N, C-alpha and C. Protein backbone atom coordinates (compact mmCIF):
# COMPACT_ATOMS: atom_id res chain seq x y z
N MET A 1 65.02 76.76 30.31
CA MET A 1 65.51 76.53 31.37
C MET A 1 64.79 76.40 32.85
N SER A 2 64.92 75.48 33.86
CA SER A 2 63.91 75.29 34.97
C SER A 2 65.04 76.29 36.38
N ASP A 3 64.19 76.30 36.77
CA ASP A 3 64.55 77.19 38.45
C ASP A 3 65.26 75.64 39.05
N SER A 4 66.47 75.95 40.01
CA SER A 4 66.53 74.94 40.50
C SER A 4 66.19 74.91 42.26
N PRO A 5 66.07 73.99 42.34
CA PRO A 5 64.95 74.20 44.22
C PRO A 5 66.06 74.50 44.90
N SER A 6 64.73 75.59 45.33
CA SER A 6 65.12 76.17 46.71
C SER A 6 65.38 75.75 48.09
N LEU A 7 66.62 75.61 49.02
CA LEU A 7 66.51 74.39 49.99
C LEU A 7 65.68 75.20 51.17
N PRO A 8 65.40 74.59 52.03
CA PRO A 8 64.92 75.30 53.07
C PRO A 8 66.16 76.06 54.23
N VAL A 9 65.75 77.05 54.79
CA VAL A 9 66.39 77.24 55.57
C VAL A 9 66.26 77.17 57.09
N PRO A 10 67.41 76.41 57.48
CA PRO A 10 67.86 75.79 59.01
C PRO A 10 67.01 77.09 60.25
N GLU A 11 66.07 76.60 60.47
CA GLU A 11 66.01 78.05 61.88
C GLU A 11 66.83 77.79 63.06
N ALA A 12 66.99 78.57 63.82
CA ALA A 12 67.96 78.76 64.94
C ALA A 12 67.21 77.91 65.81
N PRO A 13 67.60 77.01 66.76
CA PRO A 13 67.09 76.24 67.80
C PRO A 13 66.46 77.36 68.58
N LYS A 14 65.59 76.87 69.33
CA LYS A 14 64.76 78.21 70.60
C LYS A 14 65.77 77.94 71.83
N GLN A 15 66.33 77.18 72.29
CA GLN A 15 67.29 77.08 72.95
C GLN A 15 68.50 77.77 72.98
N SER A 16 68.80 77.87 71.83
CA SER A 16 69.99 78.86 71.79
C SER A 16 69.46 80.81 71.98
N ARG A 17 68.38 80.91 71.44
CA ARG A 17 67.71 82.19 71.52
C ARG A 17 67.26 82.51 72.56
N THR A 18 67.15 81.41 73.34
CA THR A 18 66.49 81.71 75.20
C THR A 18 67.71 81.72 76.01
N THR A 19 68.67 81.27 75.51
CA THR A 19 69.92 81.09 76.14
C THR A 19 70.45 82.80 75.76
N VAL A 20 70.56 83.32 74.83
CA VAL A 20 71.23 84.35 74.52
C VAL A 20 70.05 85.82 74.94
N VAL A 21 68.51 85.63 75.10
CA VAL A 21 68.01 86.52 75.27
C VAL A 21 68.14 86.45 77.23
N ARG A 22 68.21 85.17 77.66
CA ARG A 22 68.90 84.98 79.52
C ARG A 22 69.97 85.61 79.89
N PHE A 23 70.96 85.70 78.37
CA PHE A 23 72.82 86.67 78.93
C PHE A 23 71.99 88.15 78.91
N LEU A 24 71.63 88.42 77.82
CA LEU A 24 71.18 89.95 77.84
C LEU A 24 70.47 89.88 79.16
N PHE A 25 69.57 89.73 79.22
CA PHE A 25 68.76 89.97 80.24
C PHE A 25 69.56 90.08 81.78
N GLU A 26 70.76 89.03 81.91
CA GLU A 26 71.25 89.13 83.21
C GLU A 26 72.54 90.15 83.00
N LEU A 27 72.46 90.21 82.07
CA LEU A 27 73.74 91.27 81.59
C LEU A 27 73.22 92.61 82.20
N ILE A 28 71.86 93.00 81.83
CA ILE A 28 71.13 94.25 81.88
C ILE A 28 71.22 94.50 83.70
N GLN A 29 71.10 93.41 84.07
CA GLN A 29 70.79 93.22 85.61
C GLN A 29 71.92 93.39 86.29
N VAL A 30 72.55 93.35 86.15
CA VAL A 30 74.31 93.21 86.34
C VAL A 30 74.70 94.99 86.42
N LEU A 31 73.98 95.24 85.23
CA LEU A 31 75.12 96.80 84.90
C LEU A 31 73.87 97.67 85.47
N ALA A 32 72.66 97.18 85.80
CA ALA A 32 71.83 98.48 86.67
C ALA A 32 72.25 98.25 88.10
N ILE A 33 72.37 97.17 88.67
CA ILE A 33 73.01 96.90 90.10
C ILE A 33 73.97 97.69 90.54
N SER A 34 74.84 97.32 88.95
CA SER A 34 76.45 98.19 89.91
C SER A 34 75.96 99.65 89.54
N LEU A 35 74.82 100.42 88.51
CA LEU A 35 74.94 101.89 88.89
C LEU A 35 74.24 102.00 89.73
N VAL A 36 73.28 101.56 90.25
CA VAL A 36 72.68 101.93 91.53
C VAL A 36 73.77 101.88 93.04
N ILE A 37 74.83 100.68 92.70
CA ILE A 37 75.50 101.13 93.97
C ILE A 37 76.81 101.50 94.08
N ILE A 38 77.00 101.79 92.73
CA ILE A 38 78.67 102.89 92.06
C ILE A 38 78.59 104.20 92.31
N ILE A 39 77.25 104.69 91.53
CA ILE A 39 76.87 106.32 91.76
C ILE A 39 76.62 106.90 92.99
N PRO A 40 75.99 106.53 94.18
CA PRO A 40 75.85 106.90 95.27
C PRO A 40 77.12 106.79 95.99
N ILE A 41 77.76 106.01 95.68
CA ILE A 41 78.79 105.66 96.48
C ILE A 41 79.93 106.57 96.28
N ARG A 42 80.08 106.96 94.34
CA ARG A 42 81.21 107.80 93.79
C ARG A 42 80.85 109.30 94.43
N TYR A 43 79.32 109.90 94.36
CA TYR A 43 78.92 110.98 94.35
C TYR A 43 78.37 111.61 95.55
N PHE A 44 78.30 110.87 96.85
CA PHE A 44 77.91 110.94 97.99
C PHE A 44 78.64 110.35 98.83
N LEU A 45 78.93 109.52 98.89
CA LEU A 45 80.10 109.02 100.11
C LEU A 45 81.16 108.93 100.06
N ILE A 46 82.30 108.60 98.63
CA ILE A 46 83.69 108.80 98.95
C ILE A 46 83.64 108.80 97.36
N GLN A 47 84.80 110.01 96.94
CA GLN A 47 85.36 110.42 95.32
C GLN A 47 86.76 110.05 95.83
N PRO A 48 87.72 110.06 94.20
CA PRO A 48 88.39 110.04 94.64
C PRO A 48 89.19 111.84 93.98
N PHE A 49 90.04 111.98 94.75
CA PHE A 49 91.18 113.49 94.35
C PHE A 49 92.45 112.89 94.51
N TYR A 50 93.16 114.31 93.35
CA TYR A 50 94.46 113.47 93.18
C TYR A 50 95.18 115.26 93.47
N VAL A 51 96.42 114.55 93.90
CA VAL A 51 97.07 115.91 95.31
C VAL A 51 97.18 116.98 94.20
N ARG A 52 97.78 118.05 94.08
CA ARG A 52 98.28 118.93 93.55
C ARG A 52 99.06 119.67 94.42
N GLY A 53 100.61 120.27 93.61
CA GLY A 53 101.41 121.53 94.64
C GLY A 53 101.90 120.59 95.68
N ALA A 54 102.72 121.61 96.55
CA ALA A 54 103.68 121.06 97.42
C ALA A 54 102.78 121.49 98.70
N SER A 55 101.77 121.66 99.00
CA SER A 55 101.23 122.49 100.23
C SER A 55 101.47 121.48 101.28
N MET A 56 101.16 120.11 100.83
CA MET A 56 101.42 118.98 102.46
C MET A 56 102.23 118.32 102.30
N GLU A 57 103.24 118.68 101.76
CA GLU A 57 104.51 117.64 101.99
C GLU A 57 104.69 118.07 103.18
N PRO A 58 105.99 116.87 103.92
CA PRO A 58 106.25 116.37 103.31
C PRO A 58 105.03 114.68 103.42
N ASN A 59 103.60 115.22 103.87
CA ASN A 59 102.83 113.84 104.01
C ASN A 59 102.10 113.79 102.84
N PHE A 60 102.02 114.75 102.04
CA PHE A 60 101.52 114.31 100.74
C PHE A 60 102.32 115.12 99.40
N PHE A 61 102.20 114.27 98.50
CA PHE A 61 103.01 115.12 97.46
C PHE A 61 102.35 115.03 96.26
N ASP A 62 102.89 115.16 94.93
CA ASP A 62 102.11 115.98 93.88
C ASP A 62 102.07 114.83 93.23
N HIS A 63 100.47 114.76 92.88
CA HIS A 63 100.07 113.40 92.00
C HIS A 63 99.38 111.98 92.77
N GLU A 64 99.62 112.14 94.19
CA GLU A 64 99.19 111.43 94.75
C GLU A 64 97.59 111.07 94.79
N TYR A 65 97.31 109.94 94.54
CA TYR A 65 95.48 110.01 94.65
C TYR A 65 95.16 109.42 95.92
N LEU A 66 94.37 110.12 96.14
CA LEU A 66 93.50 109.83 97.66
C LEU A 66 91.93 109.71 97.72
N ILE A 67 91.52 108.56 98.54
CA ILE A 67 89.88 108.63 98.61
C ILE A 67 89.76 109.85 99.85
N ILE A 68 88.68 109.92 99.09
CA ILE A 68 87.93 111.45 100.32
C ILE A 68 86.80 110.59 100.86
N ASP A 69 86.61 110.90 102.00
CA ASP A 69 85.51 110.27 103.09
C ASP A 69 84.23 111.44 102.99
N GLU A 70 83.36 111.57 101.91
CA GLU A 70 82.35 112.52 102.32
C GLU A 70 81.04 112.39 103.09
N ILE A 71 80.70 111.63 103.81
CA ILE A 71 79.51 110.94 104.46
C ILE A 71 79.89 111.40 105.91
N SER A 72 81.42 111.76 106.27
CA SER A 72 81.41 111.37 108.12
C SER A 72 80.87 112.82 108.49
N TYR A 73 81.03 113.96 107.94
CA TYR A 73 81.11 115.34 108.26
C TYR A 73 79.32 115.99 107.91
N ARG A 74 78.65 114.77 107.38
CA ARG A 74 77.07 114.89 108.02
C ARG A 74 76.63 114.24 109.10
N PHE A 75 77.33 113.53 110.10
CA PHE A 75 76.95 112.99 111.05
C PHE A 75 77.65 113.39 111.96
N LYS A 76 78.66 114.36 112.13
CA LYS A 76 79.40 114.74 113.32
C LYS A 76 80.68 115.67 112.79
N ASP A 77 81.01 116.33 113.67
CA ASP A 77 82.07 117.65 113.06
C ASP A 77 83.39 116.90 113.18
N PRO A 78 83.80 118.34 112.22
CA PRO A 78 85.48 118.20 111.77
C PRO A 78 86.18 117.95 113.23
N VAL A 79 87.04 117.32 113.05
CA VAL A 79 88.19 117.62 114.51
C VAL A 79 89.09 118.29 114.27
N ARG A 80 89.72 118.80 115.10
CA ARG A 80 91.33 119.63 115.36
C ARG A 80 91.98 118.03 114.59
N GLY A 81 93.12 118.26 113.44
CA GLY A 81 93.59 117.53 112.93
C GLY A 81 93.37 116.84 111.53
N ASP A 82 92.16 116.64 111.45
CA ASP A 82 91.81 116.48 110.18
C ASP A 82 92.22 116.51 109.00
N ILE A 83 92.49 115.95 107.94
CA ILE A 83 93.04 116.62 106.59
C ILE A 83 91.71 116.62 105.99
N VAL A 84 91.81 117.69 105.23
CA VAL A 84 90.47 118.01 104.61
C VAL A 84 90.22 118.18 103.49
N VAL A 85 89.39 117.72 102.22
CA VAL A 85 89.39 118.89 101.16
C VAL A 85 88.27 119.85 101.23
N PHE A 86 88.46 121.06 100.09
CA PHE A 86 87.40 121.98 100.50
C PHE A 86 87.30 122.64 99.19
N LYS A 87 86.47 123.23 98.69
CA LYS A 87 86.15 124.59 98.10
C LYS A 87 87.13 125.91 98.19
N TYR A 88 87.81 126.22 97.57
CA TYR A 88 88.28 127.26 97.66
C TYR A 88 87.37 128.50 97.73
N PRO A 89 87.35 129.24 99.30
CA PRO A 89 86.28 130.23 98.88
C PRO A 89 86.42 131.66 98.31
N ARG A 90 87.88 131.61 97.30
CA ARG A 90 87.49 133.01 96.91
C ARG A 90 87.17 132.01 94.85
N ASP A 91 87.79 131.20 95.07
CA ASP A 91 86.65 130.16 93.85
C ASP A 91 86.63 129.23 93.51
N PRO A 92 84.98 128.68 93.86
CA PRO A 92 84.65 127.32 94.51
C PRO A 92 84.63 126.05 93.40
N SER A 93 85.35 126.80 92.36
CA SER A 93 85.76 125.61 91.28
C SER A 93 86.84 124.92 91.49
N GLN A 94 87.61 125.43 92.28
CA GLN A 94 89.05 124.92 92.84
C GLN A 94 88.75 124.08 94.06
N TYR A 95 89.57 123.16 94.30
CA TYR A 95 89.68 122.49 95.19
C TYR A 95 91.06 122.11 95.89
N PHE A 96 90.98 122.71 96.92
CA PHE A 96 92.15 122.52 97.83
C PHE A 96 92.21 121.47 99.68
N ILE A 97 93.30 120.96 99.22
CA ILE A 97 93.50 120.09 100.40
C ILE A 97 94.66 121.07 101.87
N LYS A 98 94.23 120.83 102.46
CA LYS A 98 94.77 121.29 104.02
C LYS A 98 94.38 120.71 105.28
N ARG A 99 94.90 120.99 106.74
CA ARG A 99 94.78 120.30 107.75
C ARG A 99 93.79 121.27 108.81
N VAL A 100 92.77 120.78 109.00
CA VAL A 100 92.19 121.45 110.40
C VAL A 100 92.98 122.06 111.84
N ILE A 101 93.19 123.44 112.10
CA ILE A 101 94.22 123.84 112.48
C ILE A 101 93.09 124.19 113.78
N GLY A 102 91.94 125.08 113.29
CA GLY A 102 91.11 126.04 114.67
C GLY A 102 89.77 125.52 114.28
N LEU A 103 89.00 125.45 115.89
CA LEU A 103 87.31 124.82 115.51
C LEU A 103 86.95 126.35 115.84
N PRO A 104 85.70 126.09 115.42
CA PRO A 104 84.66 126.90 115.46
C PRO A 104 84.71 127.28 117.25
N GLY A 105 84.96 128.81 117.43
CA GLY A 105 84.88 129.24 119.06
C GLY A 105 86.41 129.93 119.36
N ASP A 106 87.16 128.81 118.83
CA ASP A 106 89.22 128.96 119.15
C ASP A 106 89.06 130.23 118.76
N THR A 107 90.33 130.35 119.33
CA THR A 107 91.26 131.67 118.56
C THR A 107 92.10 131.07 118.41
N VAL A 108 93.28 131.35 117.20
CA VAL A 108 94.12 130.74 116.72
C VAL A 108 95.00 132.08 116.89
N GLU A 109 96.49 131.89 117.18
CA GLU A 109 97.71 132.77 117.13
C GLU A 109 98.79 132.09 117.16
N ILE A 110 99.09 133.11 115.64
CA ILE A 110 100.59 132.53 115.39
C ILE A 110 101.29 133.76 115.58
N ALA A 111 102.43 133.41 116.82
CA ALA A 111 103.29 134.07 117.30
C ALA A 111 104.62 133.53 117.53
N ASP A 112 105.56 134.11 117.45
CA ASP A 112 107.04 133.66 117.10
C ASP A 112 107.09 132.50 116.73
N GLY A 113 106.76 132.12 115.27
CA GLY A 113 106.71 130.83 114.93
C GLY A 113 106.15 129.39 115.37
N LYS A 114 105.14 129.73 116.38
CA LYS A 114 104.31 128.86 116.81
C LYS A 114 102.65 129.00 116.69
N VAL A 115 101.95 128.31 116.72
CA VAL A 115 100.34 128.23 116.30
C VAL A 115 99.80 128.10 117.96
N LYS A 116 99.25 128.82 118.75
CA LYS A 116 98.70 128.46 120.02
C LYS A 116 96.85 129.06 120.07
N ILE A 117 96.31 127.95 121.01
CA ILE A 117 95.05 127.66 120.35
C ILE A 117 94.45 128.33 121.86
N TYR A 118 93.47 128.82 121.76
CA TYR A 118 92.45 129.74 123.19
C TYR A 118 91.48 129.27 122.90
N ASN A 119 90.66 129.07 123.97
CA ASN A 119 89.49 128.40 123.90
C ASN A 119 88.78 128.48 125.19
N LYS A 120 87.77 128.28 125.29
CA LYS A 120 87.10 127.63 126.77
C LYS A 120 87.69 126.87 127.70
N GLU A 121 88.40 125.88 127.00
CA GLU A 121 89.05 125.19 128.24
C GLU A 121 90.46 125.48 128.26
N HIS A 122 90.90 126.07 127.26
CA HIS A 122 92.13 127.22 127.15
C HIS A 122 91.98 128.21 127.21
N PRO A 123 91.38 128.70 128.36
CA PRO A 123 91.27 130.48 128.26
C PRO A 123 92.63 131.41 128.13
N ASN A 124 93.58 131.08 128.56
CA ASN A 124 95.09 131.52 128.63
C ASN A 124 95.75 131.33 127.45
N GLY A 125 95.26 130.02 126.70
CA GLY A 125 95.97 129.67 125.29
C GLY A 125 96.77 128.26 125.59
N THR A 126 97.08 127.68 124.65
CA THR A 126 97.92 126.27 124.85
C THR A 126 98.97 126.47 123.49
N PRO A 127 100.08 126.00 123.48
CA PRO A 127 100.81 125.77 122.60
C PRO A 127 99.99 124.52 121.63
N LEU A 128 99.99 124.62 120.39
CA LEU A 128 99.56 122.81 119.81
C LEU A 128 100.97 122.74 118.98
N ASP A 129 100.81 121.04 119.74
CA ASP A 129 102.16 120.13 119.45
C ASP A 129 101.78 119.54 117.89
N GLU A 130 102.72 120.05 117.35
CA GLU A 130 102.22 119.76 115.35
C GLU A 130 103.39 118.78 115.26
N THR A 131 103.91 118.09 116.24
CA THR A 131 105.94 117.69 115.69
C THR A 131 105.11 116.37 115.26
N THR A 132 103.98 115.82 115.00
CA THR A 132 103.98 114.26 114.35
C THR A 132 103.84 114.37 113.03
N TYR A 133 103.73 115.94 112.61
CA TYR A 133 103.30 115.80 110.80
C TYR A 133 104.15 117.27 110.47
N LEU A 134 105.07 117.85 111.29
CA LEU A 134 105.37 118.88 110.57
C LEU A 134 107.12 118.54 110.78
N ASP A 135 107.94 118.96 109.52
CA ASP A 135 109.08 118.68 109.58
C ASP A 135 109.89 120.41 109.84
N GLN A 136 109.01 121.27 109.65
CA GLN A 136 109.81 122.35 110.08
C GLN A 136 109.43 123.16 111.58
N ASP A 137 110.16 124.35 111.65
CA ASP A 137 109.68 124.22 113.73
C ASP A 137 109.13 125.65 113.65
N ARG A 138 108.88 126.38 112.39
CA ARG A 138 108.37 127.59 112.51
C ARG A 138 107.20 128.25 111.27
N THR A 139 106.21 128.90 112.13
CA THR A 139 105.09 129.19 111.33
C THR A 139 104.64 130.56 110.98
N VAL A 140 104.45 131.03 110.33
CA VAL A 140 104.61 132.82 109.69
C VAL A 140 103.79 133.23 108.86
N PRO A 141 103.27 134.04 108.96
CA PRO A 141 103.52 135.25 109.62
C PRO A 141 102.59 135.34 111.41
N ASN A 142 103.16 135.96 111.89
CA ASN A 142 102.15 136.30 113.68
C ASN A 142 100.87 136.71 112.60
N ARG A 143 99.59 136.40 113.52
CA ARG A 143 98.64 136.14 113.27
C ARG A 143 97.50 135.77 113.99
N THR A 144 96.48 136.45 114.71
CA THR A 144 95.46 136.29 115.16
C THR A 144 94.17 136.41 114.57
N VAL A 145 93.37 135.08 114.68
CA VAL A 145 91.94 134.72 114.46
C VAL A 145 91.01 133.98 115.25
N THR A 146 89.97 135.18 115.18
CA THR A 146 89.06 134.56 116.33
C THR A 146 87.59 133.55 115.54
N LEU A 147 87.68 132.57 115.72
CA LEU A 147 86.97 131.65 114.44
C LEU A 147 85.00 131.88 115.01
N LYS A 148 84.36 132.03 114.16
CA LYS A 148 83.09 132.69 114.43
C LYS A 148 82.04 130.65 113.99
N ASP A 149 81.11 130.72 114.68
CA ASP A 149 80.21 129.26 114.26
C ASP A 149 80.48 128.73 113.17
N GLN A 150 80.49 127.71 113.10
CA GLN A 150 80.81 126.98 111.30
C GLN A 150 81.87 127.30 110.92
N GLU A 151 82.87 127.94 111.49
CA GLU A 151 84.45 127.97 110.73
C GLU A 151 85.41 127.73 110.83
N TYR A 152 86.50 127.57 109.98
CA TYR A 152 87.39 126.56 110.60
C TYR A 152 88.81 127.34 109.64
N PHE A 153 89.67 127.18 110.54
CA PHE A 153 91.12 127.67 110.28
C PHE A 153 91.77 126.70 109.64
N LEU A 154 92.21 126.08 108.59
CA LEU A 154 93.08 125.45 107.75
C LEU A 154 94.20 126.01 107.52
N MET A 155 95.10 124.81 107.45
CA MET A 155 96.51 125.04 106.84
C MET A 155 97.07 124.25 106.39
N GLY A 156 98.20 124.38 105.03
CA GLY A 156 99.20 123.32 104.57
C GLY A 156 100.29 122.63 105.55
N ASP A 157 100.77 121.49 105.68
CA ASP A 157 101.56 120.98 106.35
C ASP A 157 102.90 121.39 105.67
N ASN A 158 103.45 122.12 105.14
CA ASN A 158 104.32 122.58 104.36
C ASN A 158 103.88 124.21 104.42
N ARG A 159 104.04 125.01 105.85
CA ARG A 159 104.11 125.93 106.02
C ARG A 159 104.78 127.21 105.16
N ALA A 160 105.53 127.12 104.87
CA ALA A 160 106.43 127.74 103.77
C ALA A 160 105.81 128.35 102.01
N ALA A 161 105.03 127.19 101.83
CA ALA A 161 104.87 127.05 100.20
C ALA A 161 103.14 126.54 100.17
N SER A 162 102.48 127.25 101.41
CA SER A 162 100.76 126.81 101.29
C SER A 162 99.77 128.14 101.54
N LEU A 163 98.82 128.10 100.30
CA LEU A 163 97.96 129.34 100.42
C LEU A 163 96.83 128.83 101.42
N ASP A 164 96.28 129.36 102.79
CA ASP A 164 95.75 128.59 103.39
C ASP A 164 95.31 129.98 104.20
N SER A 165 94.63 129.19 105.52
CA SER A 165 93.24 130.83 106.31
C SER A 165 94.45 131.70 106.53
N ARG A 166 96.01 131.53 106.59
CA ARG A 166 96.73 132.25 107.07
C ARG A 166 96.75 133.52 105.94
N ILE A 167 95.80 133.63 104.71
CA ILE A 167 96.16 134.42 103.66
C ILE A 167 94.37 134.50 103.30
N PHE A 168 93.89 133.58 102.98
CA PHE A 168 92.25 133.77 102.66
C PHE A 168 91.24 133.82 104.10
N GLY A 169 91.92 133.34 105.09
CA GLY A 169 90.94 133.46 106.39
C GLY A 169 90.35 132.20 106.45
N PRO A 170 89.69 132.17 107.11
CA PRO A 170 88.74 130.98 107.97
C PRO A 170 88.33 130.51 106.94
N VAL A 171 87.69 129.65 106.92
CA VAL A 171 86.96 128.47 105.49
C VAL A 171 85.40 127.97 106.73
N ASP A 172 84.36 128.48 106.03
CA ASP A 172 82.70 128.01 106.35
C ASP A 172 82.53 126.39 105.96
N ARG A 173 82.02 125.67 107.20
CA ARG A 173 81.68 124.17 106.84
C ARG A 173 81.30 124.15 105.60
N SER A 174 80.34 125.30 105.15
CA SER A 174 79.53 124.60 104.08
C SER A 174 80.75 124.66 102.65
N TYR A 175 82.09 124.74 103.02
CA TYR A 175 82.69 124.76 102.01
C TYR A 175 83.58 123.48 102.06
N LEU A 176 83.94 122.79 103.00
CA LEU A 176 84.13 121.51 103.36
C LEU A 176 83.36 120.19 102.47
N VAL A 177 84.55 119.45 101.55
CA VAL A 177 83.64 118.56 101.01
C VAL A 177 83.88 117.17 101.95
N GLY A 178 84.75 116.71 102.59
CA GLY A 178 85.46 115.93 103.04
C GLY A 178 86.41 115.71 103.59
N LYS A 179 86.56 114.69 104.59
CA LYS A 179 88.08 114.37 104.52
C LYS A 179 89.03 113.14 104.02
N VAL A 180 90.33 113.04 104.09
CA VAL A 180 90.95 112.32 103.68
C VAL A 180 90.61 110.83 104.40
N PHE A 181 90.45 110.24 103.47
CA PHE A 181 90.49 108.86 104.51
C PHE A 181 91.60 107.64 104.17
N LEU A 182 92.10 107.65 102.86
CA LEU A 182 93.06 106.57 102.15
C LEU A 182 93.92 107.36 101.32
N ARG A 183 95.01 106.96 101.32
CA ARG A 183 96.04 107.09 100.00
C ARG A 183 96.13 106.09 99.20
N GLY A 184 95.77 105.70 98.32
CA GLY A 184 95.82 104.42 97.64
C GLY A 184 96.79 104.59 96.47
N TYR A 185 97.67 105.56 96.21
CA TYR A 185 98.13 105.33 95.48
C TYR A 185 99.74 106.71 95.71
N PRO A 186 100.92 106.42 95.48
CA PRO A 186 101.78 105.49 95.33
C PRO A 186 101.33 104.50 96.11
N ILE A 187 101.76 102.82 95.88
CA ILE A 187 101.47 101.19 96.04
C ILE A 187 102.06 101.79 97.58
N ASP A 188 103.34 102.14 97.50
CA ASP A 188 104.30 102.05 98.67
C ASP A 188 104.17 103.22 99.68
N ARG A 189 103.07 103.87 99.47
CA ARG A 189 102.57 104.68 100.47
C ARG A 189 101.21 104.92 100.82
N TRP A 190 100.85 103.94 100.52
CA TRP A 190 99.65 103.55 100.74
C TRP A 190 99.11 103.63 102.22
N ARG A 191 97.90 104.37 102.87
CA ARG A 191 97.89 104.43 104.07
C ARG A 191 96.45 104.90 104.55
N ILE A 192 95.75 104.89 105.92
CA ILE A 192 94.31 105.09 105.91
C ILE A 192 94.72 106.27 106.89
N PHE A 193 94.25 107.44 107.16
CA PHE A 193 94.62 108.19 107.61
C PHE A 193 93.59 108.62 109.10
N HIS A 194 94.13 109.01 110.35
CA HIS A 194 93.29 109.21 112.14
C HIS A 194 93.78 110.38 112.18
N PRO A 195 93.02 111.73 112.71
CA PRO A 195 93.35 112.73 112.81
C PRO A 195 94.44 112.33 114.14
N PRO A 196 95.64 113.09 114.21
CA PRO A 196 96.68 113.00 115.23
C PRO A 196 96.15 113.29 116.76
N ALA A 197 96.93 113.19 117.55
CA ALA A 197 96.79 113.42 118.86
C ALA A 197 97.39 114.35 119.49
N TYR A 198 96.57 115.26 119.97
CA TYR A 198 97.41 116.63 120.29
C TYR A 198 97.35 116.80 122.37
N PRO A 199 98.30 116.61 122.78
CA PRO A 199 98.36 116.31 123.91
C PRO A 199 98.10 117.14 125.41
N ASN A 200 98.35 118.76 124.56
CA ASN A 200 97.66 119.74 125.49
C ASN A 200 96.52 120.13 125.61
N ILE A 201 95.52 119.51 124.30
CA ILE A 201 94.40 119.89 123.64
C ILE A 201 93.38 118.68 123.96
């Protein structure tokens, strides 16, 4: 019984192999470049943040998706009215979102439902006009706090339902992660944020 003759196995064309190798090489290049660009942006420049809770209503609602600018505060100081994300001083594993009300060197006075700022420019104090972002006219309880260097007084826009500097005190700058730059979701509430103007300050 004779063995059947074996047929030669055709070799893959060299051109096909070259094409596959070139494709894989280009794919690796694209992935490497993407990682080089995306990782620094994600961890050092901007990062996403989801709102949790009602402390910033009606300006921010639960589950809204925000983009946080993490680089600006490396080159300039926070300004009054900035909306910031920061580590909760009593538990740095938690992140809060509030508004900057008092700056280093300020004395923040809460009395008769209003906020008043004392500083070098206003030694006798000046009321803080918050009508552009508050839909309520009273801030309680009465309190007076003088801020040290690098300290900020932060409050939520929903004053009746916010755990903020009225309770846990001033926040050191080292706890600030960055300021809110953009609301990306929901789409119908898309917005870029800028600090409000305070006519008296």
